[in-house]
Amino acid sequence: MMSLAEIEEVLRQEHLFVSGIVHENLPDGAKCLLMVSPDEPGFWGMFTQSPEYQDGAADPMNRWTEAALARLVPQIAGACAFFPFGGPPWQPFIDWATRSGQAHPSPVGLMVHARAGLFISYRAAIALPYPLDLAGSARPCDGCSQPCLTACPVDAFAGGSYDVPKCKAHLETDAGRVCRNGCLVRRACPVGHSLRLPEQSAFHMEAFHPDVA
């Protein structure tokens, strides 16, 4: 059995951190599930130096994730990794995230994290056969001026739901060029806004809608 501090020390080798712990709806045999996210701002610089990013092949982030967890999991007692890609079947990452006590519903419907804001992402989840705890966080939107509500130029998040077709149609226009460097709604969140570089956001937007890259 390892402590949370010991596990986080292992994850720091790949610029990752425990962004929440889940105690319900777990894989068979698991006593808890650690949500694993990029530890910014160091993550992006490390990732862009990786073979997976530089080889020009498809899905560099997912391939890097699998390789990184293959290096890390053997160092964590009893660990087993799950990924948000590679399905079907798909693992219930959104459900896990909402149960983690660290991710909360935002006014625009996206998850917001106490540390990463609207830029929260999950690269993996690590199941453990022993329990660990991480104190929950307050919802960062409470007391916030909520600039996310007015940031989208086409109101793709009106009513707290995400209109993906409307968003993609806007990205295909000249006016949508600014959004290709990162979703303006996510960038408007004051929590963690300085942790992600514009080129990192552009990378993810290209993956979201490669036809306009």
C-alpha atoms as a PDB file:
ATOM      1  CA  MET A   1       0.000   0.000   0.000  1.00  0.00           C
ATOM      2  CA  MET A   2       1.286   3.458  -0.931  1.00  0.00           C
ATOM      3  CA  SER A   3       0.283   6.860   0.386  1.00  0.00           C
ATOM      4  CA  LEU A   4      -1.231   9.522  -1.843  1.00  0.00           C
ATOM      5  CA  ALA A   5       1.937  11.600  -1.460  1.00  0.00           C
ATOM      6  CA  GLU A   6       4.062   8.669  -2.652  1.00  0.00           C
ATOM      7  CA  ILE A   7       1.819   8.104  -5.672  1.00  0.00           C
ATOM      8  CA  GLU A   8       1.859  11.773  -6.599  1.00  0.00           C
ATOM      9  CA  GLU A   9       5.656  11.683  -6.490  1.00  0.00           C
ATOM     10  CA  VAL A  10       5.574   8.864  -9.054  1.00  0.00           C
ATOM     11  CA  LEU A  11       3.114  10.753 -11.288  1.00  0.00           C
ATOM     12  CA  ARG A  12       5.293  13.861 -11.254  1.00  0.00           C
ATOM     13  CA  GLN A  13       7.844  11.956 -13.335  1.00  0.00           C
ATOM     14  CA  GLU A  14       5.458  12.473 -16.280  1.00  0.00           C
ATOM     15  CA  HIS A  15       4.021  15.851 -15.169  1.00  0.00           C
ATOM     16  CA  LEU A  16       0.728  14.327 -14.018  1.00  0.00           C
ATOM     17  CA  PHE A  17      -1.221  14.776 -10.794  1.00  0.00           C
ATOM     18  CA  VAL A  18      -4.170  13.256  -8.921  1.00  0.00           C
ATOM     19  CA  SER A  19      -7.109  15.502  -9.822  1.00  0.00           C
ATOM     20  CA  GLY A  20      -9.690  13.611  -7.772  1.00  0.00           C
ATOM     21  CA  ILE A  21     -10.437  10.330  -6.030  1.00  0.00           C
ATOM     22  CA  VAL A  22     -13.560   8.261  -6.620  1.00  0.00           C
ATOM     23  CA  HIS A  23     -15.065   5.819  -4.133  1.00  0.00           C
ATOM     24  CA  GLU A  24     -18.245   4.725  -5.956  1.00  0.00           C
ATOM     25  CA  ASN A  25     -19.062   2.987  -9.247  1.00  0.00           C
ATOM     26  CA  LEU A  26     -15.602   1.416  -9.352  1.00  0.00           C
ATOM     27  CA  PRO A  27     -14.114  -1.370 -11.456  1.00  0.00           C
ATOM     28  CA  ASP A  28     -14.268  -4.811  -9.850  1.00  0.00           C
ATOM     29  CA  GLY A  29     -11.816  -5.205  -6.991  1.00  0.00           C
ATOM     30  CA  ALA A  30     -10.998  -1.504  -6.694  1.00  0.00           C
ATOM     31  CA  LYS A  31     -11.260   0.322  -3.379  1.00  0.00           C
ATOM     32  CA  CYS A  32     -10.674   3.735  -4.947  1.00  0.00           C
ATOM     33  CA  LEU A  33      -9.947   5.287  -8.309  1.00  0.00           C
ATOM     34  CA  LEU A  34      -7.422   8.088  -8.833  1.00  0.00           C
ATOM     35  CA  MET A  35      -8.259  10.544 -11.614  1.00  0.00           C
ATOM     36  CA  VAL A  36      -5.045  11.533 -13.400  1.00  0.00           C
ATOM     37  CA  SER A  37      -4.620  14.890 -15.168  1.00  0.00           C
ATOM     38  CA  PRO A  38      -1.835  16.981 -16.743  1.00  0.00           C
ATOM     39  CA  ASP A  39       0.175  18.963 -14.223  1.00  0.00           C
ATOM     40  CA  GLU A  40       0.450  22.357 -15.880  1.00  0.00           C
ATOM     41  CA  PRO A  41       2.344  24.335 -16.967  1.00  0.00           C
ATOM     42  CA  GLY A  42       5.170  21.774 -17.162  1.00  0.00           C
ATOM     43  CA  PHE A  43       3.165  19.070 -18.912  1.00  0.00           C
ATOM     44  CA  TRP A  44       2.989  20.667 -22.360  1.00  0.00           C
ATOM     45  CA  GLY A  45       6.711  21.302 -22.716  1.00  0.00           C
ATOM     46  CA  MET A  46       7.457  17.720 -21.726  1.00  0.00           C
ATOM     47  CA  PHE A  47       4.834  16.283 -24.076  1.00  0.00           C
ATOM     48  CA  THR A  48       6.078  18.236 -27.106  1.00  0.00           C
ATOM     49  CA  GLN A  49       9.523  16.686 -26.614  1.00  0.00           C
ATOM     50  CA  SER A  50       8.120  13.161 -26.619  1.00  0.00           C
ATOM     51  CA  PRO A  51       8.547  10.707 -29.517  1.00  0.00           C
ATOM     52  CA  GLU A  52       4.780  10.412 -29.806  1.00  0.00           C
ATOM     53  CA  TYR A  53       4.376  14.141 -30.447  1.00  0.00           C
ATOM     54  CA  GLN A  54       7.309  14.414 -32.811  1.00  0.00           C
ATOM     55  CA  ASP A  55       6.813  11.317 -35.002  1.00  0.00           C
ATOM     56  CA  GLY A  56       3.902  12.818 -36.981  1.00  0.00           C
ATOM     57  CA  ALA A  57       1.646   9.790 -36.496  1.00  0.00           C
ATOM     58  CA  ALA A  58      -1.993   9.989 -35.487  1.00  0.00           C
ATOM     59  CA  ASP A  59      -3.263  10.343 -31.915  1.00  0.00           C
ATOM     60  CA  PRO A  60      -0.017  11.502 -30.275  1.00  0.00           C
ATOM     61  CA  MET A  61      -1.640  12.383 -26.943  1.00  0.00           C
ATOM     62  CA  ASN A  62      -3.365   9.042 -26.532  1.00  0.00           C
ATOM     63  CA  ARG A  63      -0.264   7.130 -27.570  1.00  0.00           C
ATOM     64  CA  TRP A  64       1.858   9.150 -25.141  1.00  0.00           C
ATOM     65  CA  THR A  65      -0.664   8.499 -22.376  1.00  0.00           C
ATOM     66  CA  GLU A  66      -0.502   4.752 -22.851  1.00  0.00           C
ATOM     67  CA  ALA A  67       3.297   4.806 -22.909  1.00  0.00           C
ATOM     68  CA  ALA A  68       3.528   7.055 -19.849  1.00  0.00           C
ATOM     69  CA  LEU A  69       1.136   4.957 -17.777  1.00  0.00           C
ATOM     70  CA  ALA A  70       3.020   1.821 -18.822  1.00  0.00           C
ATOM     71  CA  ARG A  71       6.078   3.406 -17.215  1.00  0.00           C
ATOM     72  CA  LEU A  72       4.250   4.619 -14.110  1.00  0.00           C
ATOM     73  CA  VAL A  73       1.805   1.868 -13.159  1.00  0.00           C
ATOM     74  CA  PRO A  74       4.462  -0.731 -12.260  1.00  0.00           C
ATOM     75  CA  GLN A  75       5.820   1.769  -9.711  1.00  0.00           C
ATOM     76  CA  ILE A  76       2.460   2.019  -7.893  1.00  0.00           C
ATOM     77  CA  ALA A  77       1.536  -0.880  -5.619  1.00  0.00           C
ATOM     78  CA  GLY A  78      -1.536  -2.751  -6.866  1.00  0.00           C
ATOM     79  CA  ALA A  79      -2.333  -0.222  -9.605  1.00  0.00           C
ATOM     80  CA  CYS A  80      -4.331  -0.808 -12.767  1.00  0.00           C
ATOM     81  CA  ALA A  81      -4.876   1.911 -15.395  1.00  0.00           C
ATOM     82  CA  PHE A  82      -8.015   2.826 -17.327  1.00  0.00           C
ATOM     83  CA  PHE A  83      -8.206   5.304 -20.221  1.00  0.00           C
ATOM     84  CA  PRO A  84     -10.886   7.646 -21.617  1.00  0.00           C
ATOM     85  CA  PHE A  85     -10.175   6.344 -25.135  1.00  0.00           C
ATOM     86  CA  GLY A  86      -9.811   2.964 -26.812  1.00  0.00           C
ATOM     87  CA  GLY A  87     -13.470   1.904 -26.584  1.00  0.00           C
ATOM     88  CA  PRO A  88     -16.004   0.625 -26.944  1.00  0.00           C
ATOM     89  CA  PRO A  89     -16.642  -0.226 -24.242  1.00  0.00           C
ATOM     90  CA  TRP A  90     -16.003   3.275 -22.888  1.00  0.00           C
ATOM     91  CA  GLN A  91     -15.085   3.875 -19.286  1.00  0.00           C
ATOM     92  CA  PRO A  92     -17.451   6.272 -17.396  1.00  0.00           C
ATOM     93  CA  PHE A  93     -14.914   9.086 -16.983  1.00  0.00           C
ATOM     94  CA  ILE A  94     -17.484  11.875 -16.771  1.00  0.00           C
ATOM     95  CA  ASP A  95     -19.347  10.027 -14.038  1.00  0.00           C
ATOM     96  CA  TRP A  96     -16.082   9.322 -12.212  1.00  0.00           C
ATOM     97  CA  ALA A  97     -15.054  12.964 -12.492  1.00  0.00           C
ATOM     98  CA  THR A  98     -18.330  14.256 -11.077  1.00  0.00           C
ATOM     99  CA  ARG A  99     -18.028  11.810  -8.170  1.00  0.00           C
ATOM    100  CA  SER A 100     -14.449  12.840  -7.420  1.00  0.00           C
ATOM    101  CA  GLY A 101     -15.308  15.859  -5.272  1.00  0.00           C
ATOM    102  CA  GLN A 102     -12.916  18.023  -7.291  1.00  0.00           C
ATOM    103  CA  ALA A 103     -14.929  18.594 -10.496  1.00  0.00           C
ATOM    104  CA  HIS A 104     -18.218  20.495 -10.451  1.00  0.00           C
ATOM    105  CA  PRO A 105     -20.896  21.577 -12.945  1.00  0.00           C
ATOM    106  CA  SER A 106     -20.140  25.025 -14.352  1.00  0.00           C
ATOM    107  CA  PRO A 107     -22.717  27.606 -15.513  1.00  0.00           C
ATOM    108  CA  VAL A 108     -22.048  26.588 -19.134  1.00  0.00           C
ATOM    109  CA  GLY A 109     -22.473  22.882 -18.443  1.00  0.00           C
ATOM    110  CA  LEU A 110     -18.814  21.915 -18.742  1.00  0.00           C
ATOM    111  CA  MET A 111     -16.987  20.483 -15.754  1.00  0.00           C
ATOM    112  CA  VAL A 112     -14.896  22.961 -13.802  1.00  0.00           C
ATOM    113  CA  HIS A 113     -12.017  21.868 -11.567  1.00  0.00           C
ATOM    114  CA  ALA A 114     -10.794  23.668  -8.473  1.00  0.00           C
ATOM    115  CA  ARG A 115      -7.242  23.785  -9.844  1.00  0.00           C
ATOM    116  CA  ALA A 116      -7.556  23.528 -13.637  1.00  0.00           C
ATOM    117  CA  GLY A 117     -10.816  25.411 -14.145  1.00  0.00           C
ATOM    118  CA  LEU A 118     -12.607  24.708 -17.438  1.00  0.00           C
ATOM    119  CA  PHE A 119      -9.388  23.320 -18.903  1.00  0.00           C
ATOM    120  CA  ILE A 120      -9.600  20.169 -16.794  1.00  0.00           C
ATOM    121  CA  SER A 121      -8.819  16.997 -18.728  1.00  0.00           C
ATOM    122  CA  TYR A 122      -8.301  13.405 -17.659  1.00  0.00           C
ATOM    123  CA  ARG A 123      -5.576  11.313 -19.212  1.00  0.00           C
ATOM    124  CA  ALA A 124      -6.228   8.183 -17.176  1.00  0.00           C
ATOM    125  CA  ALA A 125      -7.693   6.710 -14.014  1.00  0.00           C
ATOM    126  CA  ILE A 126      -5.740   4.434 -11.701  1.00  0.00           C
ATOM    127  CA  ALA A 127      -7.636   1.795  -9.740  1.00  0.00           C
ATOM    128  CA  LEU A 128      -6.180   0.691  -6.413  1.00  0.00           C
ATOM    129  CA  PRO A 129      -7.086  -2.305  -4.203  1.00  0.00           C
ATOM    130  CA  TYR A 130      -6.784  -0.135  -1.082  1.00  0.00           C
ATOM    131  CA  PRO A 131      -8.571   3.113  -0.119  1.00  0.00           C
ATOM    132  CA  LEU A 132      -7.083   6.609  -0.281  1.00  0.00           C
ATOM    133  CA  ASP A 133      -8.796   9.914   0.376  1.00  0.00           C
ATOM    134  CA  LEU A 134      -8.565  13.443  -0.988  1.00  0.00           C
ATOM    135  CA  ALA A 135     -10.634  16.218   0.520  1.00  0.00           C
ATOM    136  CA  GLY A 136     -13.309  17.633  -1.764  1.00  0.00           C
ATOM    137  CA  SER A 137     -13.116  21.191  -3.046  1.00  0.00           C
ATOM    138  CA  ALA A 138     -15.567  24.057  -3.129  1.00  0.00           C
ATOM    139  CA  ARG A 139     -17.205  24.844  -6.473  1.00  0.00           C
ATOM    140  CA  PRO A 140     -14.989  27.622  -7.898  1.00  0.00           C
ATOM    141  CA  CYS A 141     -17.935  29.229  -9.729  1.00  0.00           C
ATOM    142  CA  ASP A 142     -19.517  30.302  -6.449  1.00  0.00           C
ATOM    143  CA  GLY A 143     -18.652  33.967  -5.996  1.00  0.00           C
ATOM    144  CA  CYS A 144     -17.175  34.187  -9.510  1.00  0.00           C
ATOM    145  CA  SER A 145     -18.380  36.832 -11.975  1.00  0.00           C
ATOM    146  CA  GLN A 146     -18.802  33.923 -14.442  1.00  0.00           C
ATOM    147  CA  PRO A 147     -17.326  35.443 -17.616  1.00  0.00           C
ATOM    148  CA  CYS A 148     -17.772  32.047 -19.281  1.00  0.00           C
ATOM    149  CA  LEU A 149     -21.465  32.808 -19.755  1.00  0.00           C
ATOM    150  CA  THR A 150     -20.844  35.579 -22.294  1.00  0.00           C
ATOM    151  CA  ALA A 151     -17.566  34.404 -23.873  1.00  0.00           C
ATOM    152  CA  CYS A 152     -18.910  32.279 -26.732  1.00  0.00           C
ATOM    153  CA  PRO A 153     -19.509  34.411 -29.860  1.00  0.00           C
ATOM    154  CA  VAL A 154     -22.307  32.119 -31.091  1.00  0.00           C
ATOM    155  CA  ASP A 155     -23.855  31.160 -27.730  1.00  0.00           C
ATOM    156  CA  ALA A 156     -23.041  27.496 -28.253  1.00  0.00           C
ATOM    157  CA  PHE A 157     -23.421  26.954 -24.502  1.00  0.00           C
ATOM    158  CA  ALA A 158     -26.801  28.686 -24.112  1.00  0.00           C
ATOM    159  CA  GLY A 159     -28.963  27.075 -21.470  1.00  0.00           C
ATOM    160  CA  GLY A 160     -26.081  25.124 -19.957  1.00  0.00           C
ATOM    161  CA  SER A 161     -25.775  22.597 -22.797  1.00  0.00           C
ATOM    162  CA  TYR A 162     -23.162  22.408 -25.539  1.00  0.00           C
ATOM    163  CA  ASP A 163     -24.324  22.765 -29.145  1.00  0.00           C
ATOM    164  CA  VAL A 164     -21.441  20.972 -30.877  1.00  0.00           C
ATOM    165  CA  PRO A 165     -22.695  21.462 -34.482  1.00  0.00           C
ATOM    166  CA  LYS A 166     -23.080  25.220 -33.913  1.00  0.00           C
ATOM    167  CA  CYS A 167     -19.558  25.391 -32.452  1.00  0.00           C
ATOM    168  CA  LYS A 168     -17.991  23.482 -35.339  1.00  0.00           C
ATOM    169  CA  ALA A 169     -19.858  25.574 -37.923  1.00  0.00           C
ATOM    170  CA  HIS A 170     -18.439  28.733 -36.341  1.00  0.00           C
ATOM    171  CA  LEU A 171     -14.919  27.300 -36.374  1.00  0.00           C
ATOM    172  CA  GLU A 172     -15.211  26.952 -40.144  1.00  0.00           C
ATOM    173  CA  THR A 173     -15.742  30.700 -40.620  1.00  0.00           C
ATOM    174  CA  ASP A 174     -13.188  33.515 -40.672  1.00  0.00           C
ATOM    175  CA  ALA A 175     -14.675  34.827 -37.427  1.00  0.00           C
ATOM    176  CA  GLY A 176     -14.017  31.457 -35.845  1.00  0.00           C
ATOM    177  CA  ARG A 177     -10.251  31.672 -36.314  1.00  0.00           C
ATOM    178  CA  VAL A 178      -9.761  33.134 -32.838  1.00  0.00           C
ATOM    179  CA  CYS A 179     -11.561  30.148 -31.330  1.00  0.00           C
ATOM    180  CA  ARG A 180      -9.161  27.741 -33.036  1.00  0.00           C
ATOM    181  CA  ASN A 181      -6.477  28.903 -30.613  1.00  0.00           C
ATOM    182  CA  GLY A 182      -8.626  27.646 -27.753  1.00  0.00           C
ATOM    183  CA  CYS A 183     -12.273  27.762 -26.784  1.00  0.00           C
ATOM    184  CA  LEU A 184     -13.064  31.284 -25.605  1.00  0.00           C
ATOM    185  CA  VAL A 185     -15.421  29.944 -22.959  1.00  0.00           C
ATOM    186  CA  ARG A 186     -12.737  27.757 -21.420  1.00  0.00           C
ATOM    187  CA  ARG A 187     -10.183  30.565 -21.698  1.00  0.00           C
ATOM    188  CA  ALA A 188     -12.542  32.970 -19.904  1.00  0.00           C
ATOM    189  CA  CYS A 189     -12.493  30.922 -16.706  1.00  0.00           C
ATOM    190  CA  PRO A 190     -10.267  32.715 -14.164  1.00  0.00           C
ATOM    191  CA  VAL A 191      -9.320  29.429 -12.475  1.00  0.00           C
ATOM    192  CA  GLY A 192      -6.103  28.066 -13.939  1.00  0.00           C
ATOM    193  CA  HIS A 193      -6.286  30.379 -16.966  1.00  0.00           C
ATOM    194  CA  SER A 194      -2.536  31.034 -16.922  1.00  0.00           C
ATOM    195  CA  LEU A 195      -1.570  27.355 -16.833  1.00  0.00           C
ATOM    196  CA  ARG A 196      -2.258  26.406 -20.456  1.00  0.00           C
ATOM    197  CA  LEU A 197      -0.321  27.885 -23.381  1.00  0.00           C
ATOM    198  CA  PRO A 198      -2.173  29.006 -26.548  1.00  0.00           C
ATOM    199  CA  GLU A 199      -0.390  26.392 -28.671  1.00  0.00           C
ATOM    200  CA  GLN A 200      -1.607  23.681 -26.316  1.00  0.00           C
ATOM    201  CA  SER A 201      -5.200  24.849 -26.667  1.00  0.00           C
ATOM    202  CA  ALA A 202      -4.778  25.023 -30.444  1.00  0.00           C
ATOM    203  CA  PHE A 203      -3.534  21.408 -30.448  1.00  0.00           C
ATOM    204  CA  HIS A 204      -6.719  20.232 -28.753  1.00  0.00           C
ATOM    205  CA  MET A 205      -8.956  22.339 -30.988  1.00  0.00           C
ATOM    206  CA  GLU A 206      -7.315  20.787 -34.041  1.00  0.00           C
ATOM    207  CA  ALA A 207      -8.058  17.345 -32.636  1.00  0.00           C
ATOM    208  CA  PHE A 208     -11.660  18.436 -31.977  1.00  0.00           C
ATOM    209  CA  HIS A 209     -12.230  19.718 -35.523  1.00  0.00           C
ATOM    210  CA  PRO A 210      -9.298  18.769 -37.781  1.00  0.00           C
ATOM    211  CA  ASP A 211     -11.047  19.888 -40.971  1.00  0.00           C
ATOM    212  CA  VAL A 212     -10.331  23.531 -40.163  1.00  0.00           C
ATOM    213  CA  ALA A 213      -6.763  23.178 -38.855  1.00  0.00           C
END
